[in-house]
Amino acid sequence: MKKLVLAIIAFAALTGCRAAPEPRAHNRAEARKKIREAEQTAIRAFGKRNAGESASMYAPDATLMLTNMRAVHGADIRPVLSEMMADPNFSMTFNTAKVEAPESGEFGYTRGTYVMTTTDPKSKKLLRESGKYLTVYAKQADGSWKMVDDINNPDGPASPVADN
């Protein structure tokens, strides 16, 4: 019995000496705000057809995954965007439906829908593609928010735009 009491006292003394856990950061609201701002900046750049500005919204090690195209990474993103935006009929609109982040506030994502208009390289007619997207943002060392993974998924094949 004496050994049991000593063991309980030793256990209590040892477990009582542990450092208190660090408090959890509650940065979710701020992260969601910053992600929404970054998303709006990226949408404006796409709307202006500014490939340089659009590419600057991606982290150096980001991955862009577009329809019917291999995934592109890092520095290869800008040339892809430049080629897309060189099309005089290129336009892309977005509707952000959700912005989310965990309590830590170190990363988050946006989800929504898009409509993209391009020129068919063969027929030279306008094509319109509607779909959905998911973009993951991460807080960078300088405090900015950049896209690290960006993927879209069309609702179906692009369809010809009817002549007006």
C-alpha atoms as a PDB file:
ATOM      1  CA  MET A   1       0.000   0.000   0.000  1.00  0.00           C
ATOM      2  CA  LYS A   2       2.872   2.341   0.849  1.00  0.00           C
ATOM      3  CA  LYS A   3       4.433   1.738  -2.601  1.00  0.00           C
ATOM      4  CA  LEU A   4       1.125   2.496  -4.314  1.00  0.00           C
ATOM      5  CA  VAL A   5       0.747   5.812  -2.472  1.00  0.00           C
ATOM      6  CA  LEU A   6       4.344   6.743  -3.370  1.00  0.00           C
ATOM      7  CA  ALA A   7       3.722   5.831  -7.011  1.00  0.00           C
ATOM      8  CA  ILE A   8       0.571   7.993  -7.124  1.00  0.00           C
ATOM      9  CA  ILE A   9       2.397  10.921  -5.509  1.00  0.00           C
ATOM     10  CA  ALA A  10       5.314  10.563  -7.944  1.00  0.00           C
ATOM     11  CA  PHE A  11       2.951  10.364 -10.921  1.00  0.00           C
ATOM     12  CA  ALA A  12       1.021  13.435  -9.721  1.00  0.00           C
ATOM     13  CA  ALA A  13       4.243  15.387  -9.181  1.00  0.00           C
ATOM     14  CA  LEU A  14       5.592  14.467 -12.617  1.00  0.00           C
ATOM     15  CA  THR A  15       2.418  15.211 -14.545  1.00  0.00           C
ATOM     16  CA  GLY A  16       1.863  18.442 -12.627  1.00  0.00           C
ATOM     17  CA  CYS A  17       5.249  19.740 -13.797  1.00  0.00           C
ATOM     18  CA  ARG A  18       4.373  19.737 -17.476  1.00  0.00           C
ATOM     19  CA  ALA A  19       4.233  23.091 -19.200  1.00  0.00           C
ATOM     20  CA  ALA A  20       0.779  24.308 -20.075  1.00  0.00           C
ATOM     21  CA  PRO A  21      -0.092  23.819 -23.743  1.00  0.00           C
ATOM     22  CA  GLU A  22       0.311  26.851 -25.946  1.00  0.00           C
ATOM     23  CA  PRO A  23      -2.976  28.605 -26.582  1.00  0.00           C
ATOM     24  CA  ARG A  24      -4.449  27.999 -30.024  1.00  0.00           C
ATOM     25  CA  ALA A  25      -4.289  30.919 -32.384  1.00  0.00           C
ATOM     26  CA  HIS A  26      -7.680  32.175 -33.489  1.00  0.00           C
ATOM     27  CA  ASN A  27      -6.821  33.780 -36.815  1.00  0.00           C
ATOM     28  CA  ARG A  28      -9.671  32.357 -38.867  1.00  0.00           C
ATOM     29  CA  ALA A  29     -11.643  35.581 -39.347  1.00  0.00           C
ATOM     30  CA  GLU A  30      -8.559  37.570 -40.364  1.00  0.00           C
ATOM     31  CA  ALA A  31      -7.421  34.798 -42.729  1.00  0.00           C
ATOM     32  CA  ARG A  32     -10.832  34.665 -44.411  1.00  0.00           C
ATOM     33  CA  LYS A  33     -10.778  38.450 -44.850  1.00  0.00           C
ATOM     34  CA  LYS A  34      -7.275  38.411 -46.377  1.00  0.00           C
ATOM     35  CA  ILE A  35      -8.107  35.466 -48.643  1.00  0.00           C
ATOM     36  CA  ARG A  36     -11.233  37.241 -49.896  1.00  0.00           C
ATOM     37  CA  GLU A  37      -9.124  40.341 -50.630  1.00  0.00           C
ATOM     38  CA  ALA A  38      -6.507  38.254 -52.488  1.00  0.00           C
ATOM     39  CA  GLU A  39      -9.252  36.526 -54.477  1.00  0.00           C
ATOM     40  CA  GLN A  40     -10.778  39.867 -55.480  1.00  0.00           C
ATOM     41  CA  THR A  41      -7.351  41.150 -56.598  1.00  0.00           C
ATOM     42  CA  ALA A  42      -6.850  38.019 -58.710  1.00  0.00           C
ATOM     43  CA  ILE A  43     -10.334  38.348 -60.232  1.00  0.00           C
ATOM     44  CA  ARG A  44      -9.657  41.983 -61.162  1.00  0.00           C
ATOM     45  CA  ALA A  45      -6.344  40.984 -62.805  1.00  0.00           C
ATOM     46  CA  PHE A  46      -8.105  38.286 -64.848  1.00  0.00           C
ATOM     47  CA  GLY A  47     -10.789  40.796 -65.801  1.00  0.00           C
ATOM     48  CA  LYS A  48      -8.119  43.197 -67.103  1.00  0.00           C
ATOM     49  CA  ARG A  49      -6.462  40.300 -68.978  1.00  0.00           C
ATOM     50  CA  ASN A  50      -3.230  41.183 -67.211  1.00  0.00           C
ATOM     51  CA  ALA A  51      -1.136  37.998 -67.273  1.00  0.00           C
ATOM     52  CA  GLY A  52       1.725  39.481 -65.257  1.00  0.00           C
ATOM     53  CA  GLU A  53      -0.516  40.695 -62.474  1.00  0.00           C
ATOM     54  CA  SER A  54      -2.498  37.450 -62.566  1.00  0.00           C
ATOM     55  CA  ALA A  55       0.670  35.342 -62.355  1.00  0.00           C
ATOM     56  CA  SER A  56       1.929  37.432 -59.427  1.00  0.00           C
ATOM     57  CA  MET A  57      -1.030  36.167 -57.383  1.00  0.00           C
ATOM     58  CA  TYR A  58       0.469  32.650 -57.430  1.00  0.00           C
ATOM     59  CA  ALA A  59       3.141  31.508 -54.959  1.00  0.00           C
ATOM     60  CA  PRO A  60       6.517  30.603 -56.496  1.00  0.00           C
ATOM     61  CA  ASP A  61       5.787  26.881 -56.036  1.00  0.00           C
ATOM     62  CA  ALA A  62       2.083  27.033 -56.991  1.00  0.00           C
ATOM     63  CA  THR A  63       0.288  24.569 -59.252  1.00  0.00           C
ATOM     64  CA  LEU A  64      -2.346  25.568 -61.805  1.00  0.00           C
ATOM     65  CA  MET A  65      -4.625  22.822 -63.148  1.00  0.00           C
ATOM     66  CA  LEU A  66      -6.792  23.894 -66.092  1.00  0.00           C
ATOM     67  CA  THR A  67      -9.218  21.942 -68.263  1.00  0.00           C
ATOM     68  CA  ASN A  68      -7.646  19.707 -70.936  1.00  0.00           C
ATOM     69  CA  MET A  69      -4.145  20.789 -70.012  1.00  0.00           C
ATOM     70  CA  ARG A  70      -1.267  19.365 -68.031  1.00  0.00           C
ATOM     71  CA  ALA A  71      -0.698  20.857 -64.578  1.00  0.00           C
ATOM     72  CA  VAL A  72       1.728  23.782 -64.654  1.00  0.00           C
ATOM     73  CA  HIS A  73       3.965  24.843 -61.793  1.00  0.00           C
ATOM     74  CA  GLY A  74       5.697  27.968 -60.567  1.00  0.00           C
ATOM     75  CA  ALA A  75       7.323  30.044 -63.308  1.00  0.00           C
ATOM     76  CA  ASP A  76       5.455  28.064 -66.012  1.00  0.00           C
ATOM     77  CA  ILE A  77       2.143  29.633 -64.924  1.00  0.00           C
ATOM     78  CA  ARG A  78       2.787  33.076 -66.413  1.00  0.00           C
ATOM     79  CA  PRO A  79       3.380  31.862 -70.013  1.00  0.00           C
ATOM     80  CA  VAL A  80       0.163  29.795 -69.872  1.00  0.00           C
ATOM     81  CA  LEU A  81      -1.811  32.799 -68.654  1.00  0.00           C
ATOM     82  CA  SER A  82      -0.136  35.039 -71.261  1.00  0.00           C
ATOM     83  CA  GLU A  83      -1.155  32.677 -74.047  1.00  0.00           C
ATOM     84  CA  MET A  84      -4.752  32.466 -72.802  1.00  0.00           C
ATOM     85  CA  MET A  85      -5.060  36.222 -72.366  1.00  0.00           C
ATOM     86  CA  ALA A  86      -3.535  36.956 -75.792  1.00  0.00           C
ATOM     87  CA  ASP A  87      -6.802  35.733 -77.316  1.00  0.00           C
ATOM     88  CA  PRO A  88      -8.684  38.988 -78.108  1.00  0.00           C
ATOM     89  CA  ASN A  89     -11.939  37.279 -77.118  1.00  0.00           C
ATOM     90  CA  PHE A  90     -10.671  35.910 -73.803  1.00  0.00           C
ATOM     91  CA  SER A  91     -12.763  36.824 -70.800  1.00  0.00           C
ATOM     92  CA  MET A  92     -13.313  35.127 -67.488  1.00  0.00           C
ATOM     93  CA  THR A  93     -15.794  35.946 -64.770  1.00  0.00           C
ATOM     94  CA  PHE A  94     -15.953  34.413 -61.312  1.00  0.00           C
ATOM     95  CA  ASN A  95     -18.579  34.051 -58.610  1.00  0.00           C
ATOM     96  CA  THR A  96     -16.959  33.214 -55.282  1.00  0.00           C
ATOM     97  CA  ALA A  97     -19.424  31.159 -53.254  1.00  0.00           C
ATOM     98  CA  LYS A  98     -17.272  30.264 -50.242  1.00  0.00           C
ATOM     99  CA  VAL A  99     -14.138  31.452 -48.454  1.00  0.00           C
ATOM    100  CA  GLU A 100     -12.890  29.208 -45.656  1.00  0.00           C
ATOM    101  CA  ALA A 101      -9.886  28.876 -43.328  1.00  0.00           C
ATOM    102  CA  PRO A 102      -9.048  26.866 -40.187  1.00  0.00           C
ATOM    103  CA  GLU A 103      -8.556  28.517 -36.780  1.00  0.00           C
ATOM    104  CA  SER A 104      -4.774  28.654 -37.302  1.00  0.00           C
ATOM    105  CA  GLY A 105      -5.250  31.095 -40.178  1.00  0.00           C
ATOM    106  CA  GLU A 106      -2.211  29.879 -42.120  1.00  0.00           C
ATOM    107  CA  PHE A 107      -4.056  28.775 -45.240  1.00  0.00           C
ATOM    108  CA  GLY A 108      -7.549  28.596 -46.656  1.00  0.00           C
ATOM    109  CA  TYR A 109      -9.538  28.139 -49.823  1.00  0.00           C
ATOM    110  CA  THR A 110     -12.125  29.673 -52.088  1.00  0.00           C
ATOM    111  CA  ARG A 111     -14.754  27.848 -54.080  1.00  0.00           C
ATOM    112  CA  GLY A 112     -17.064  29.138 -56.743  1.00  0.00           C
ATOM    113  CA  THR A 113     -18.124  29.160 -60.362  1.00  0.00           C
ATOM    114  CA  TYR A 114     -16.659  30.677 -63.502  1.00  0.00           C
ATOM    115  CA  VAL A 115     -17.563  31.467 -67.094  1.00  0.00           C
ATOM    116  CA  MET A 116     -14.744  31.645 -69.640  1.00  0.00           C
ATOM    117  CA  THR A 117     -15.030  32.852 -73.220  1.00  0.00           C
ATOM    118  CA  THR A 118     -12.299  32.020 -75.757  1.00  0.00           C
ATOM    119  CA  THR A 119     -11.796  31.680 -79.489  1.00  0.00           C
ATOM    120  CA  ASP A 120     -11.809  28.168 -80.937  1.00  0.00           C
ATOM    121  CA  PRO A 121      -8.394  27.911 -82.645  1.00  0.00           C
ATOM    122  CA  LYS A 122      -9.833  25.777 -85.487  1.00  0.00           C
ATOM    123  CA  SER A 123     -13.186  27.399 -86.297  1.00  0.00           C
ATOM    124  CA  LYS A 124     -12.295  30.897 -84.984  1.00  0.00           C
ATOM    125  CA  LYS A 125     -15.753  31.020 -83.394  1.00  0.00           C
ATOM    126  CA  LEU A 126     -16.401  32.046 -79.808  1.00  0.00           C
ATOM    127  CA  LEU A 127     -16.640  29.282 -77.217  1.00  0.00           C
ATOM    128  CA  ARG A 128     -18.037  29.559 -73.720  1.00  0.00           C
ATOM    129  CA  GLU A 129     -17.171  27.244 -70.843  1.00  0.00           C
ATOM    130  CA  SER A 130     -18.945  27.271 -67.486  1.00  0.00           C
ATOM    131  CA  GLY A 131     -17.700  25.408 -64.471  1.00  0.00           C
ATOM    132  CA  LYS A 132     -16.530  25.452 -60.908  1.00  0.00           C
ATOM    133  CA  TYR A 133     -13.185  26.068 -59.229  1.00  0.00           C
ATOM    134  CA  LEU A 134     -11.328  25.498 -55.997  1.00  0.00           C
ATOM    135  CA  THR A 135      -8.325  27.640 -55.089  1.00  0.00           C
ATOM    136  CA  VAL A 136      -6.079  27.078 -52.070  1.00  0.00           C
ATOM    137  CA  TYR A 137      -4.353  30.143 -50.617  1.00  0.00           C
ATOM    138  CA  ALA A 138      -1.437  30.179 -48.175  1.00  0.00           C
ATOM    139  CA  LYS A 139      -0.017  33.003 -46.119  1.00  0.00           C
ATOM    140  CA  GLN A 140       3.474  33.844 -47.358  1.00  0.00           C
ATOM    141  CA  ALA A 141       6.513  34.815 -45.260  1.00  0.00           C
ATOM    142  CA  ASP A 142       5.958  38.488 -46.161  1.00  0.00           C
ATOM    143  CA  GLY A 143       2.358  38.323 -44.856  1.00  0.00           C
ATOM    144  CA  SER A 144       0.745  38.320 -48.319  1.00  0.00           C
ATOM    145  CA  TRP A 145      -1.695  35.654 -49.447  1.00  0.00           C
ATOM    146  CA  LYS A 146      -0.928  33.739 -52.638  1.00  0.00           C
ATOM    147  CA  MET A 147      -2.579  30.919 -54.533  1.00  0.00           C
ATOM    148  CA  VAL A 148      -0.750  27.612 -54.047  1.00  0.00           C
ATOM    149  CA  ASP A 149      -3.180  25.255 -55.811  1.00  0.00           C
ATOM    150  CA  ASP A 150      -5.750  26.332 -58.369  1.00  0.00           C
ATOM    151  CA  ILE A 151      -8.025  23.898 -60.180  1.00  0.00           C
ATOM    152  CA  ASN A 152     -11.107  24.236 -62.342  1.00  0.00           C
ATOM    153  CA  ASN A 153     -13.630  21.729 -63.570  1.00  0.00           C
ATOM    154  CA  PRO A 154     -16.022  22.495 -66.445  1.00  0.00           C
ATOM    155  CA  ASP A 155     -19.686  21.606 -66.208  1.00  0.00           C
ATOM    156  CA  GLY A 156     -19.431  20.210 -69.748  1.00  0.00           C
ATOM    157  CA  PRO A 157     -17.638  20.842 -73.005  1.00  0.00           C
ATOM    158  CA  ALA A 158     -17.248  24.459 -74.105  1.00  0.00           C
ATOM    159  CA  SER A 159     -20.102  25.395 -76.416  1.00  0.00           C
ATOM    160  CA  PRO A 160     -20.286  27.833 -79.334  1.00  0.00           C
ATOM    161  CA  VAL A 161     -21.620  31.283 -78.497  1.00  0.00           C
ATOM    162  CA  ALA A 162     -24.676  32.072 -80.598  1.00  0.00           C
ATOM    163  CA  ASP A 163     -24.288  34.969 -83.045  1.00  0.00           C
ATOM    164  CA  ASN A 164     -26.347  38.003 -82.150  1.00  0.00           C
END
